[in-house]
Amino acid sequence: METQLVIEAHGRRAPVIRVLVVKSLGPLTVAAGVVWAFAQPYRITLLHPRGEGFWWLVAEPPLLAILVGLAFTLLVVPGLVEDLEEGADATPG
């Protein structure tokens, strides 16, 4: 296989891999939050609120991880993917 063909094949595949990685970050963060919630259920005081205030119940780390993953997936990823695809189209090769 010629060197130029290998470089061209690698050049076309790299943007696709970047897009897949960016698209998977949000769902992986959500999954990590869910696993964290099941691994340490005592962190979710919504299950047993013993006089805790509103912010103590809302600001639970596993719940925040899930919310951040959802926000990233719904708000940030579409713009990033669009920019990555435009950059791949503009790249000569």
Protein backbone atom coordinates (compact mmCIF):
# COMPACT_ATOMS: atom_id res chain seq x y z
CA MET A 1 0.00 0.00 0.00
CA GLU A 2 1.35 3.40 -0.92
CA THR A 3 2.06 5.98 1.75
CA GLN A 4 -0.21 8.58 0.19
CA LEU A 5 -3.17 6.18 0.24
CA VAL A 6 -2.61 5.42 3.92
CA ILE A 7 -2.45 9.13 4.78
CA GLU A 8 -5.63 9.83 2.82
CA ALA A 9 -7.49 6.93 4.47
CA HIS A 10 -6.38 8.06 7.92
CA GLY A 11 -7.31 11.66 7.13
CA ARG A 12 -10.89 10.72 6.26
CA ARG A 13 -11.37 8.53 9.31
CA ALA A 14 -10.09 10.93 11.97
CA PRO A 15 -13.05 13.40 11.83
CA VAL A 16 -15.52 10.52 12.11
CA ILE A 17 -13.75 9.25 15.22
CA ARG A 18 -13.76 12.74 16.73
CA VAL A 19 -17.49 13.09 16.12
CA LEU A 20 -18.17 9.70 17.72
CA VAL A 21 -16.06 10.58 20.75
CA VAL A 22 -17.84 13.92 21.21
CA LYS A 23 -21.26 12.29 20.82
CA SER A 24 -20.42 9.60 23.37
CA LEU A 25 -19.18 11.92 26.15
CA GLY A 26 -22.67 12.93 27.31
CA PRO A 27 -24.18 9.44 27.45
CA LEU A 28 -21.06 8.10 29.17
CA THR A 29 -21.35 10.84 31.81
CA VAL A 30 -25.03 9.99 32.35
CA ALA A 31 -24.17 6.31 32.64
CA ALA A 32 -21.40 7.10 35.13
CA GLY A 33 -23.87 9.12 37.22
CA VAL A 34 -26.37 6.27 37.23
CA VAL A 35 -23.70 3.73 38.16
CA TRP A 36 -22.49 6.07 40.89
CA ALA A 37 -26.04 6.42 42.24
CA PHE A 38 -26.47 2.65 42.38
CA ALA A 39 -22.99 2.06 43.81
CA GLN A 40 -23.47 4.63 46.58
CA PRO A 41 -27.22 4.95 47.20
CA TYR A 42 -26.62 6.68 50.54
CA ARG A 43 -25.48 9.73 48.54
CA ILE A 44 -29.00 10.18 47.16
CA THR A 45 -30.74 11.70 50.16
CA LEU A 46 -33.94 12.00 48.14
CA LEU A 47 -34.46 8.37 49.07
CA HIS A 48 -34.38 9.14 52.81
CA PRO A 49 -34.70 12.91 53.41
CA ARG A 50 -34.05 13.28 57.12
CA GLY A 51 -34.72 16.98 57.56
CA GLU A 52 -32.30 18.11 54.84
CA GLY A 53 -32.99 21.39 53.08
CA PHE A 54 -33.89 21.87 49.43
CA TRP A 55 -30.33 22.49 48.21
CA TRP A 56 -29.00 19.48 50.08
CA LEU A 57 -31.54 17.31 48.27
CA VAL A 58 -31.01 18.84 44.83
CA ALA A 59 -27.22 19.14 44.80
CA GLU A 60 -26.37 15.45 44.99
CA PRO A 61 -23.21 14.55 43.05
CA PRO A 62 -24.66 11.58 41.10
CA LEU A 63 -27.72 13.62 40.14
CA LEU A 64 -25.52 16.52 39.08
CA ALA A 65 -23.40 14.18 36.94
CA ILE A 66 -26.55 12.93 35.21
CA LEU A 67 -27.80 16.49 34.64
CA VAL A 68 -24.44 17.64 33.27
CA GLY A 69 -24.35 14.69 30.87
CA LEU A 70 -27.86 15.47 29.64
CA ALA A 71 -27.11 19.18 29.26
CA PHE A 72 -23.91 18.43 27.36
CA THR A 73 -25.70 16.00 25.06
CA LEU A 74 -28.65 18.26 24.34
CA LEU A 75 -27.03 21.72 24.34
CA VAL A 76 -23.35 21.42 23.46
CA VAL A 77 -22.95 18.35 21.25
CA PRO A 78 -25.06 19.55 18.28
CA GLY A 79 -22.88 22.65 17.83
CA LEU A 80 -19.64 20.75 18.32
CA VAL A 81 -20.61 18.09 15.81
CA GLU A 82 -21.61 20.74 13.29
CA ASP A 83 -18.27 22.51 13.73
CA LEU A 84 -16.31 19.25 13.46
CA GLU A 85 -18.15 18.29 10.27
CA GLU A 86 -17.60 21.75 8.75
CA GLY A 87 -13.93 21.55 9.67
CA ALA A 88 -13.64 18.12 8.07
CA ASP A 89 -15.27 19.41 4.88
CA ALA A 90 -12.95 22.42 4.74
CA THR A 91 -9.81 20.35 5.28
CA PRO A 92 -8.02 19.71 1.99
CA GLY A 93 -7.38 16.13 1.16
